[in-house]
Amino acid sequence: MASVLVPLAQGCEELEAVTVVDLLRRAGIGVVTAGLDDRPVRASRGTVLIPDTTLNEALKQQYDMVVLPGGLPGAEHLDADPRIRGVVKQMMETDRYTAAICAAPRVLAGMGLLEGRQATSFPGVLDDFDGIEYRTDAVVQDGKVITSRGPGTAMDFALVLIEQLVGKEKRDEVEAGLQRPHQG
């Protein structure tokens, strides 16, 4: 079974975090949500999320993908945490998937991991970084790095993640169950 780590920082964007976790689990993907500490996470709009475990515990196992939810100040907390930088670096070095949405692509950019790549983010988040081929698509994939724009693109983002991990057939199955309007 494919496995995904979703770190949850105080102030994360709940719509992004919950949408990704929900859709990946609908696809039968093993998802571990991990708080940066042992407290419940108060998301950016005040929703309280209870992570499955702490990041220290979660990092004792390997994952096929790490997904960084955005939101502020959540993405700033992820960016400031050396454990997040360590797991992202490890994922890139071992050719596994790294995904970030909204403000979280800034973590990847700050590590130099988006240089020479196509990427997207919430408008303005990546403006301070050179060498990124910025796109305005809802979801941008460049190799095993997947980025997305924000809360409104969270469902599209999660569906791309499903397709990469377990295939188009499973993505289509999950999407059909969501009763999304046909996109043409």
N, C-alpha and C. Protein backbone atom coordinates (compact mmCIF):
# COMPACT_ATOMS: atom_id res chain seq x y z
N MET A 1 0.85 -1.18 0.00
CA MET A 1 0.00 0.00 0.00
C MET A 1 0.88 1.24 0.00
N ALA A 2 0.54 2.21 -0.84
CA ALA A 2 1.25 3.48 -0.88
C ALA A 2 1.07 4.19 0.46
N SER A 3 2.10 4.92 0.87
CA SER A 3 2.02 5.63 2.15
C SER A 3 2.42 7.09 1.98
N VAL A 4 1.71 7.96 2.70
CA VAL A 4 1.90 9.40 2.58
C VAL A 4 1.97 10.02 3.97
N LEU A 5 2.92 10.93 4.14
CA LEU A 5 3.05 11.71 5.36
C LEU A 5 2.50 13.11 5.09
N VAL A 6 1.57 13.56 5.95
CA VAL A 6 1.03 14.91 5.87
C VAL A 6 1.32 15.60 7.20
N PRO A 7 2.38 16.41 7.26
CA PRO A 7 2.67 17.15 8.49
C PRO A 7 1.65 18.28 8.69
N LEU A 8 1.18 18.41 9.91
CA LEU A 8 0.20 19.44 10.24
C LEU A 8 0.83 20.43 11.22
N ALA A 9 0.97 21.67 10.77
CA ALA A 9 1.53 22.72 11.62
C ALA A 9 0.42 23.62 12.13
N GLN A 10 0.63 24.23 13.28
CA GLN A 10 -0.32 25.21 13.79
C GLN A 10 -0.53 26.27 12.71
N GLY A 11 -1.79 26.57 12.41
CA GLY A 11 -2.10 27.57 11.41
C GLY A 11 -2.12 27.07 9.98
N CYS A 12 -2.14 25.74 9.80
CA CYS A 12 -2.24 25.21 8.44
C CYS A 12 -3.62 25.53 7.86
N GLU A 13 -3.74 25.42 6.56
CA GLU A 13 -5.02 25.65 5.88
C GLU A 13 -5.82 24.35 5.96
N GLU A 14 -6.89 24.36 6.75
CA GLU A 14 -7.63 23.12 7.00
C GLU A 14 -8.26 22.52 5.76
N LEU A 15 -8.75 23.35 4.86
CA LEU A 15 -9.39 22.82 3.65
C LEU A 15 -8.38 22.00 2.84
N GLU A 16 -7.17 22.49 2.74
CA GLU A 16 -6.13 21.77 2.01
C GLU A 16 -5.74 20.48 2.72
N ALA A 17 -5.49 20.56 4.01
CA ALA A 17 -5.07 19.38 4.78
C ALA A 17 -6.14 18.29 4.76
N VAL A 18 -7.36 18.66 5.10
CA VAL A 18 -8.42 17.67 5.21
C VAL A 18 -8.80 17.09 3.85
N THR A 19 -8.85 17.92 2.82
CA THR A 19 -9.19 17.43 1.48
C THR A 19 -8.16 16.40 1.01
N VAL A 20 -6.89 16.69 1.16
CA VAL A 20 -5.84 15.77 0.75
C VAL A 20 -5.95 14.46 1.52
N VAL A 21 -6.05 14.55 2.84
CA VAL A 21 -6.12 13.34 3.66
C VAL A 21 -7.36 12.52 3.29
N ASP A 22 -8.50 13.17 3.19
CA ASP A 22 -9.75 12.47 2.88
C ASP A 22 -9.68 11.74 1.54
N LEU A 23 -9.28 12.45 0.49
CA LEU A 23 -9.28 11.83 -0.83
C LEU A 23 -8.24 10.72 -0.95
N LEU A 24 -7.06 10.91 -0.37
CA LEU A 24 -6.06 9.84 -0.41
C LEU A 24 -6.56 8.60 0.32
N ARG A 25 -7.20 8.79 1.44
CA ARG A 25 -7.75 7.63 2.18
C ARG A 25 -8.87 6.96 1.40
N ARG A 26 -9.69 7.73 0.69
CA ARG A 26 -10.73 7.14 -0.17
C ARG A 26 -10.11 6.23 -1.23
N ALA A 27 -8.89 6.55 -1.63
CA ALA A 27 -8.18 5.76 -2.65
C ALA A 27 -7.45 4.56 -2.05
N GLY A 28 -7.57 4.38 -0.75
CA GLY A 28 -6.91 3.25 -0.10
C GLY A 28 -5.43 3.48 0.19
N ILE A 29 -5.03 4.72 0.15
CA ILE A 29 -3.64 5.07 0.43
C ILE A 29 -3.47 5.27 1.93
N GLY A 30 -2.41 4.74 2.48
CA GLY A 30 -2.13 4.92 3.90
C GLY A 30 -1.62 6.32 4.16
N VAL A 31 -2.34 7.08 4.95
CA VAL A 31 -1.96 8.46 5.26
C VAL A 31 -1.70 8.58 6.75
N VAL A 32 -0.58 9.20 7.08
CA VAL A 32 -0.24 9.50 8.47
C VAL A 32 -0.20 11.03 8.59
N THR A 33 -1.07 11.58 9.45
CA THR A 33 -0.98 13.00 9.76
C THR A 33 -0.12 13.14 11.01
N ALA A 34 0.78 14.10 10.98
CA ALA A 34 1.73 14.23 12.08
C ALA A 34 1.85 15.69 12.50
N GLY A 35 1.58 15.95 13.77
CA GLY A 35 1.75 17.29 14.32
C GLY A 35 3.21 17.58 14.58
N LEU A 36 3.60 18.83 14.46
CA LEU A 36 4.98 19.19 14.75
C LEU A 36 5.29 19.02 16.23
N ASP A 37 4.24 19.02 17.05
CA ASP A 37 4.40 18.75 18.48
C ASP A 37 3.25 17.83 18.88
N ASP A 38 3.02 17.68 20.17
CA ASP A 38 1.99 16.72 20.63
C ASP A 38 0.64 17.38 20.95
N ARG A 39 0.43 18.60 20.46
CA ARG A 39 -0.83 19.29 20.72
C ARG A 39 -1.78 19.15 19.54
N PRO A 40 -3.09 19.31 19.80
CA PRO A 40 -4.02 19.43 18.68
C PRO A 40 -3.61 20.65 17.84
N VAL A 41 -3.89 20.59 16.54
CA VAL A 41 -3.50 21.67 15.63
C VAL A 41 -4.70 22.59 15.41
N ARG A 42 -4.51 23.87 15.74
CA ARG A 42 -5.54 24.87 15.44
C ARG A 42 -5.20 25.44 14.07
N ALA A 43 -6.05 25.12 13.11
CA ALA A 43 -5.80 25.51 11.73
C ALA A 43 -6.09 27.00 11.52
N SER A 44 -5.84 27.49 10.32
CA SER A 44 -5.90 28.92 10.04
C SER A 44 -7.28 29.53 10.23
N ARG A 45 -8.33 28.76 10.11
CA ARG A 45 -9.69 29.28 10.30
C ARG A 45 -10.29 28.83 11.63
N GLY A 46 -9.45 28.30 12.51
CA GLY A 46 -9.89 27.94 13.85
C GLY A 46 -10.34 26.50 14.03
N THR A 47 -10.40 25.73 12.95
CA THR A 47 -10.76 24.31 13.06
C THR A 47 -9.65 23.59 13.81
N VAL A 48 -10.02 22.72 14.75
CA VAL A 48 -9.03 21.97 15.51
C VAL A 48 -8.88 20.59 14.89
N LEU A 49 -7.67 20.26 14.51
CA LEU A 49 -7.35 18.97 13.91
C LEU A 49 -6.53 18.15 14.89
N ILE A 50 -6.85 16.87 14.99
CA ILE A 50 -6.10 15.97 15.88
C ILE A 50 -5.21 15.08 15.01
N PRO A 51 -3.90 15.34 14.97
CA PRO A 51 -3.01 14.51 14.16
C PRO A 51 -2.99 13.06 14.66
N ASP A 52 -2.66 12.14 13.74
CA ASP A 52 -2.54 10.73 14.10
C ASP A 52 -1.40 10.50 15.09
N THR A 53 -0.34 11.27 14.96
CA THR A 53 0.86 11.08 15.77
C THR A 53 1.69 12.36 15.73
N THR A 54 2.83 12.32 16.38
CA THR A 54 3.76 13.45 16.31
C THR A 54 4.72 13.23 15.14
N LEU A 55 5.32 14.30 14.69
CA LEU A 55 6.28 14.19 13.60
C LEU A 55 7.46 13.31 13.99
N ASN A 56 7.93 13.43 15.22
CA ASN A 56 9.05 12.59 15.66
C ASN A 56 8.72 11.10 15.51
N GLU A 57 7.51 10.71 15.90
CA GLU A 57 7.09 9.31 15.76
C GLU A 57 6.91 8.94 14.29
N ALA A 58 6.29 9.81 13.54
CA ALA A 58 6.01 9.53 12.13
C ALA A 58 7.28 9.32 11.33
N LEU A 59 8.33 10.03 11.68
CA LEU A 59 9.58 9.95 10.92
C LEU A 59 10.34 8.65 11.16
N LYS A 60 9.81 7.78 11.99
CA LYS A 60 10.44 6.48 12.22
C LYS A 60 10.14 5.51 11.07
N GLN A 61 9.25 5.90 10.16
CA GLN A 61 8.96 5.03 9.01
C GLN A 61 9.19 5.79 7.71
N GLN A 62 9.18 5.06 6.61
CA GLN A 62 9.40 5.63 5.28
C GLN A 62 8.06 5.85 4.59
N TYR A 63 8.03 6.80 3.66
CA TYR A 63 6.82 7.15 2.93
C TYR A 63 7.12 7.23 1.44
N ASP A 64 6.08 7.06 0.64
CA ASP A 64 6.20 7.20 -0.81
C ASP A 64 6.05 8.67 -1.22
N MET A 65 5.44 9.46 -0.34
CA MET A 65 5.17 10.86 -0.65
C MET A 65 5.05 11.64 0.65
N VAL A 66 5.49 12.89 0.61
CA VAL A 66 5.20 13.84 1.68
C VAL A 66 4.41 14.98 1.06
N VAL A 67 3.33 15.39 1.75
CA VAL A 67 2.47 16.46 1.25
C VAL A 67 2.44 17.58 2.30
N LEU A 68 2.84 18.77 1.88
CA LEU A 68 2.87 19.92 2.78
C LEU A 68 1.65 20.80 2.53
N PRO A 69 0.70 20.85 3.48
CA PRO A 69 -0.42 21.79 3.35
C PRO A 69 0.08 23.22 3.53
N GLY A 70 -0.64 24.15 2.94
CA GLY A 70 -0.25 25.56 3.06
C GLY A 70 -0.97 26.24 4.20
N GLY A 71 -1.32 27.48 3.95
CA GLY A 71 -1.93 28.30 4.99
C GLY A 71 -0.86 29.04 5.77
N LEU A 72 -1.30 30.15 6.36
CA LEU A 72 -0.38 30.92 7.20
C LEU A 72 -0.98 31.08 8.58
N PRO A 73 -0.19 30.90 9.59
CA PRO A 73 1.27 30.76 9.56
C PRO A 73 1.76 29.32 9.42
N GLY A 74 0.87 28.39 9.07
CA GLY A 74 1.26 26.98 8.99
C GLY A 74 2.48 26.71 8.12
N ALA A 75 2.48 27.26 6.90
CA ALA A 75 3.61 27.02 6.00
C ALA A 75 4.90 27.61 6.56
N GLU A 76 4.80 28.72 7.28
CA GLU A 76 5.99 29.30 7.92
C GLU A 76 6.54 28.38 9.00
N HIS A 77 5.63 27.75 9.75
CA HIS A 77 6.07 26.79 10.78
C HIS A 77 6.74 25.58 10.15
N LEU A 78 6.19 25.10 9.02
CA LEU A 78 6.83 23.98 8.32
C LEU A 78 8.22 24.39 7.85
N ASP A 79 8.31 25.58 7.28
CA ASP A 79 9.58 26.07 6.74
C ASP A 79 10.64 26.21 7.82
N ALA A 80 10.23 26.56 9.02
CA ALA A 80 11.18 26.78 10.12
C ALA A 80 11.60 25.49 10.82
N ASP A 81 10.96 24.38 10.51
CA ASP A 81 11.23 23.13 11.22
C ASP A 81 12.29 22.30 10.49
N PRO A 82 13.45 22.09 11.10
CA PRO A 82 14.52 21.34 10.42
C PRO A 82 14.12 19.90 10.09
N ARG A 83 13.18 19.33 10.83
CA ARG A 83 12.74 17.95 10.53
C ARG A 83 11.99 17.91 9.20
N ILE A 84 11.22 18.96 8.91
CA ILE A 84 10.50 19.03 7.64
C ILE A 84 11.51 19.15 6.51
N ARG A 85 12.46 20.02 6.68
CA ARG A 85 13.50 20.17 5.65
C ARG A 85 14.25 18.85 5.46
N GLY A 86 14.49 18.13 6.53
CA GLY A 86 15.19 16.84 6.45
C GLY A 86 14.40 15.80 5.68
N VAL A 87 13.11 15.68 5.96
CA VAL A 87 12.31 14.68 5.26
C VAL A 87 12.12 15.06 3.81
N VAL A 88 11.96 16.34 3.52
CA VAL A 88 11.82 16.78 2.12
C VAL A 88 13.10 16.47 1.36
N LYS A 89 14.23 16.77 1.96
CA LYS A 89 15.52 16.48 1.32
C LYS A 89 15.67 14.99 1.05
N GLN A 90 15.30 14.18 2.03
CA GLN A 90 15.39 12.73 1.89
C GLN A 90 14.48 12.23 0.76
N MET A 91 13.27 12.78 0.67
CA MET A 91 12.34 12.37 -0.39
C MET A 91 12.94 12.70 -1.76
N MET A 92 13.50 13.87 -1.90
CA MET A 92 14.08 14.27 -3.18
C MET A 92 15.30 13.40 -3.53
N GLU A 93 16.14 13.14 -2.54
CA GLU A 93 17.36 12.35 -2.79
C GLU A 93 17.06 10.90 -3.14
N THR A 94 15.92 10.39 -2.69
CA THR A 94 15.56 8.99 -2.94
C THR A 94 14.49 8.86 -4.02
N ASP A 95 14.28 9.94 -4.79
CA ASP A 95 13.38 9.94 -5.94
C ASP A 95 11.95 9.53 -5.57
N ARG A 96 11.49 10.09 -4.45
CA ARG A 96 10.10 9.88 -4.06
C ARG A 96 9.36 11.21 -4.19
N TYR A 97 8.04 11.16 -4.11
CA TYR A 97 7.21 12.34 -4.36
C TYR A 97 7.24 13.35 -3.21
N THR A 98 7.31 14.62 -3.61
CA THR A 98 7.18 15.73 -2.69
C THR A 98 6.10 16.65 -3.26
N ALA A 99 5.11 16.99 -2.44
CA ALA A 99 4.00 17.81 -2.91
C ALA A 99 3.75 18.93 -1.90
N ALA A 100 3.36 20.09 -2.43
CA ALA A 100 3.10 21.25 -1.57
C ALA A 100 2.04 22.11 -2.23
N ILE A 101 1.19 22.70 -1.41
CA ILE A 101 0.08 23.51 -1.91
C ILE A 101 0.05 24.87 -1.21
N CYS A 102 -0.42 25.89 -1.94
CA CYS A 102 -0.69 27.21 -1.40
C CYS A 102 0.61 27.92 -1.02
N ALA A 103 0.85 28.17 0.25
CA ALA A 103 2.07 28.83 0.69
C ALA A 103 3.21 27.84 0.92
N ALA A 104 2.92 26.55 0.98
CA ALA A 104 3.94 25.55 1.29
C ALA A 104 5.00 25.36 0.21
N PRO A 105 4.75 25.64 -1.08
CA PRO A 105 5.85 25.54 -2.04
C PRO A 105 7.05 26.43 -1.67
N ARG A 106 6.82 27.42 -0.82
CA ARG A 106 7.91 28.27 -0.35
C ARG A 106 8.96 27.44 0.42
N VAL A 107 8.53 26.39 1.10
CA VAL A 107 9.47 25.50 1.80
C VAL A 107 10.43 24.89 0.77
N LEU A 108 9.87 24.37 -0.32
CA LEU A 108 10.68 23.74 -1.36
C LEU A 108 11.59 24.76 -2.04
N ALA A 109 11.03 25.94 -2.33
CA ALA A 109 11.82 26.99 -2.98
C ALA A 109 12.96 27.44 -2.10
N GLY A 110 12.71 27.57 -0.81
CA GLY A 110 13.74 28.01 0.13
C GLY A 110 14.89 27.04 0.23
N MET A 111 14.63 25.78 -0.09
CA MET A 111 15.67 24.75 -0.09
C MET A 111 16.35 24.65 -1.45
N GLY A 112 15.91 25.46 -2.42
CA GLY A 112 16.49 25.41 -3.76
C GLY A 112 15.93 24.29 -4.62
N LEU A 113 14.88 23.62 -4.16
CA LEU A 113 14.38 22.44 -4.84
C LEU A 113 13.47 22.74 -6.02
N LEU A 114 13.06 24.01 -6.17
CA LEU A 114 12.22 24.37 -7.31
C LEU A 114 13.01 25.06 -8.42
N GLU A 115 14.28 25.31 -8.17
CA GLU A 115 15.10 25.97 -9.17
C GLU A 115 15.19 25.09 -10.41
N GLY A 116 14.89 25.71 -11.58
CA GLY A 116 14.92 24.97 -12.83
C GLY A 116 13.68 24.11 -13.06
N ARG A 117 12.68 24.24 -12.18
CA ARG A 117 11.45 23.44 -12.30
C ARG A 117 10.25 24.33 -12.57
N GLN A 118 9.21 23.70 -13.09
CA GLN A 118 7.90 24.35 -13.19
C GLN A 118 7.20 24.16 -11.85
N ALA A 119 6.53 25.19 -11.38
CA ALA A 119 5.83 25.09 -10.11
C ALA A 119 4.74 26.16 -10.04
N THR A 120 3.84 26.00 -9.08
CA THR A 120 2.83 27.00 -8.80
C THR A 120 2.69 27.14 -7.29
N SER A 121 1.90 28.13 -6.89
CA SER A 121 1.68 28.38 -5.46
C SER A 121 0.55 29.40 -5.36
N PHE A 122 0.21 29.76 -4.13
CA PHE A 122 -0.68 30.89 -3.93
C PHE A 122 0.02 32.11 -4.54
N PRO A 123 -0.71 32.98 -5.22
CA PRO A 123 -0.06 34.13 -5.87
C PRO A 123 0.84 34.92 -4.91
N GLY A 124 2.04 35.19 -5.39
CA GLY A 124 3.00 35.98 -4.62
C GLY A 124 3.96 35.19 -3.76
N VAL A 125 3.62 33.97 -3.43
CA VAL A 125 4.44 33.17 -2.50
C VAL A 125 5.85 32.92 -3.04
N LEU A 126 5.97 32.70 -4.34
CA LEU A 126 7.28 32.36 -4.91
C LEU A 126 7.96 33.54 -5.59
N ASP A 127 7.41 34.73 -5.43
CA ASP A 127 7.95 35.91 -6.13
C ASP A 127 9.41 36.22 -5.77
N ASP A 128 9.85 35.88 -4.59
CA ASP A 128 11.20 36.21 -4.14
C ASP A 128 12.26 35.23 -4.63
N PHE A 129 11.84 34.21 -5.38
CA PHE A 129 12.78 33.15 -5.78
C PHE A 129 13.03 33.19 -7.28
N ASP A 130 14.31 33.12 -7.64
CA ASP A 130 14.70 33.10 -9.05
C ASP A 130 14.80 31.65 -9.52
N GLY A 131 14.72 31.48 -10.84
CA GLY A 131 14.98 30.17 -11.42
C GLY A 131 13.80 29.23 -11.43
N ILE A 132 12.62 29.70 -11.04
CA ILE A 132 11.43 28.86 -11.04
C ILE A 132 10.59 29.25 -12.25
N GLU A 133 10.16 28.26 -13.01
CA GLU A 133 9.25 28.52 -14.13
C GLU A 133 7.84 28.52 -13.55
N TYR A 134 7.38 29.69 -13.15
CA TYR A 134 6.10 29.82 -12.46
C TYR A 134 4.94 29.64 -13.43
N ARG A 135 3.98 28.81 -13.02
CA ARG A 135 2.78 28.54 -13.81
C ARG A 135 1.55 28.92 -12.98
N THR A 136 0.45 29.19 -13.66
CA THR A 136 -0.78 29.54 -12.96
C THR A 136 -1.81 28.41 -13.01
N ASP A 137 -1.40 27.23 -13.48
CA ASP A 137 -2.29 26.07 -13.51
C ASP A 137 -2.70 25.70 -12.08
N ALA A 138 -3.83 25.00 -11.95
CA ALA A 138 -4.30 24.56 -10.63
C ALA A 138 -3.28 23.64 -9.97
N VAL A 139 -2.71 22.74 -10.75
CA VAL A 139 -1.72 21.78 -10.25
C VAL A 139 -0.60 21.72 -11.28
N VAL A 140 0.63 21.74 -10.81
CA VAL A 140 1.78 21.64 -11.70
C VAL A 140 2.66 20.49 -11.21
N GLN A 141 2.96 19.59 -12.13
CA GLN A 141 3.86 18.49 -11.80
C GLN A 141 5.11 18.61 -12.64
N ASP A 142 6.25 18.54 -11.99
CA ASP A 142 7.54 18.53 -12.66
C ASP A 142 8.32 17.37 -12.06
N GLY A 143 8.34 16.27 -12.75
CA GLY A 143 8.95 15.07 -12.21
C GLY A 143 8.17 14.60 -11.00
N LYS A 144 8.84 14.41 -9.90
CA LYS A 144 8.18 13.95 -8.68
C LYS A 144 7.90 15.07 -7.70
N VAL A 145 7.88 16.31 -8.22
CA VAL A 145 7.52 17.47 -7.41
C VAL A 145 6.17 17.97 -7.94
N ILE A 146 5.19 18.05 -7.03
CA ILE A 146 3.84 18.46 -7.41
C ILE A 146 3.44 19.64 -6.54
N THR A 147 3.01 20.72 -7.19
CA THR A 147 2.59 21.92 -6.45
C THR A 147 1.18 22.32 -6.88
N SER A 148 0.52 23.08 -6.02
CA SER A 148 -0.84 23.52 -6.31
C SER A 148 -1.05 24.90 -5.70
N ARG A 149 -2.13 25.58 -6.14
CA ARG A 149 -2.31 27.01 -5.85
C ARG A 149 -2.94 27.36 -4.52
N GLY A 150 -3.95 26.62 -4.07
CA GLY A 150 -4.59 27.03 -2.83
C GLY A 150 -5.81 26.21 -2.50
N PRO A 151 -6.61 26.66 -1.53
CA PRO A 151 -7.76 25.89 -1.07
C PRO A 151 -8.71 25.47 -2.20
N GLY A 152 -8.91 26.35 -3.17
CA GLY A 152 -9.83 26.04 -4.27
C GLY A 152 -9.32 24.97 -5.22
N THR A 153 -8.03 24.68 -5.16
CA THR A 153 -7.45 23.65 -6.03
C THR A 153 -7.11 22.37 -5.27
N ALA A 154 -7.48 22.31 -4.00
CA ALA A 154 -7.10 21.17 -3.15
C ALA A 154 -7.64 19.84 -3.68
N MET A 155 -8.85 19.83 -4.21
CA MET A 155 -9.42 18.58 -4.72
C MET A 155 -8.67 18.12 -5.97
N ASP A 156 -8.39 19.05 -6.88
CA ASP A 156 -7.62 18.70 -8.08
C ASP A 156 -6.23 18.19 -7.68
N PHE A 157 -5.62 18.86 -6.74
CA PHE A 157 -4.30 18.47 -6.21
C PHE A 157 -4.34 17.04 -5.68
N ALA A 158 -5.30 16.75 -4.82
CA ALA A 158 -5.41 15.42 -4.23
C ALA A 158 -5.63 14.35 -5.30
N LEU A 159 -6.42 14.66 -6.31
CA LEU A 159 -6.67 13.68 -7.38
C LEU A 159 -5.41 13.40 -8.19
N VAL A 160 -4.59 14.42 -8.43
CA VAL A 160 -3.31 14.19 -9.11
C VAL A 160 -2.41 13.32 -8.24
N LEU A 161 -2.39 13.57 -6.94
CA LEU A 161 -1.57 12.76 -6.03
C LEU A 161 -2.01 11.29 -6.09
N ILE A 162 -3.31 11.06 -6.09
CA ILE A 162 -3.84 9.69 -6.18
C ILE A 162 -3.37 9.04 -7.48
N GLU A 163 -3.51 9.75 -8.58
CA GLU A 163 -3.12 9.18 -9.87
C GLU A 163 -1.64 8.80 -9.89
N GLN A 164 -0.80 9.64 -9.30
CA GLN A 164 0.63 9.34 -9.28
C GLN A 164 0.95 8.13 -8.40
N LEU A 165 0.25 7.99 -7.31
CA LEU A 165 0.56 6.90 -6.37
C LEU A 165 -0.08 5.57 -6.74
N VAL A 166 -1.33 5.60 -7.21
CA VAL A 166 -2.04 4.33 -7.44
C VAL A 166 -2.72 4.22 -8.80
N GLY A 167 -2.53 5.20 -9.67
CA GLY A 167 -3.00 5.08 -11.04
C GLY A 167 -4.27 5.84 -11.38
N LYS A 168 -4.47 6.02 -12.69
CA LYS A 168 -5.60 6.78 -13.20
C LYS A 168 -6.94 6.10 -12.91
N GLU A 169 -6.98 4.78 -12.97
CA GLU A 169 -8.24 4.08 -12.71
C GLU A 169 -8.75 4.37 -11.30
N LYS A 170 -7.87 4.35 -10.32
CA LYS A 170 -8.27 4.65 -8.93
C LYS A 170 -8.65 6.12 -8.79
N ARG A 171 -7.90 6.99 -9.45
CA ARG A 171 -8.24 8.42 -9.43
C ARG A 171 -9.66 8.62 -9.96
N ASP A 172 -9.94 8.00 -11.12
CA ASP A 172 -11.26 8.15 -11.75
C ASP A 172 -12.36 7.60 -10.85
N GLU A 173 -12.08 6.49 -10.18
CA GLU A 173 -13.05 5.88 -9.26
C GLU A 173 -13.36 6.83 -8.09
N VAL A 174 -12.32 7.39 -7.50
CA VAL A 174 -12.51 8.32 -6.38
C VAL A 174 -13.25 9.57 -6.87
N GLU A 175 -12.83 10.10 -8.02
CA GLU A 175 -13.46 11.31 -8.53
C GLU A 175 -14.94 11.09 -8.85
N ALA A 176 -15.29 9.93 -9.40
CA ALA A 176 -16.69 9.63 -9.71
C ALA A 176 -17.54 9.67 -8.45
N GLY A 177 -17.01 9.16 -7.36
CA GLY A 177 -17.74 9.15 -6.10
C GLY A 177 -17.94 10.53 -5.49
N LEU A 178 -17.20 11.50 -5.95
CA LEU A 178 -17.29 12.87 -5.43
C LEU A 178 -18.42 13.66 -6.08
N GLN A 179 -18.92 13.15 -7.21
CA GLN A 179 -19.98 13.84 -7.94
C GLN A 179 -19.58 15.24 -8.36
N ARG A 180 -18.33 15.38 -8.80
CA ARG A 180 -17.85 16.67 -9.32
C ARG A 180 -18.49 16.92 -10.69
N PRO A 181 -18.76 18.18 -11.02
CA PRO A 181 -19.26 18.48 -12.35
C PRO A 181 -18.21 18.12 -13.40
N HIS A 182 -18.64 17.68 -14.54
CA HIS A 182 -17.72 17.32 -15.62
C HIS A 182 -16.94 18.56 -16.06
N GLN A 183 -15.63 18.40 -16.19
CA GLN A 183 -14.76 19.54 -16.51
C GLN A 183 -14.53 19.70 -18.02
N GLY A 184 -15.19 18.92 -18.84
CA GLY A 184 -15.07 19.09 -20.29
C GLY A 184 -14.07 18.16 -20.85
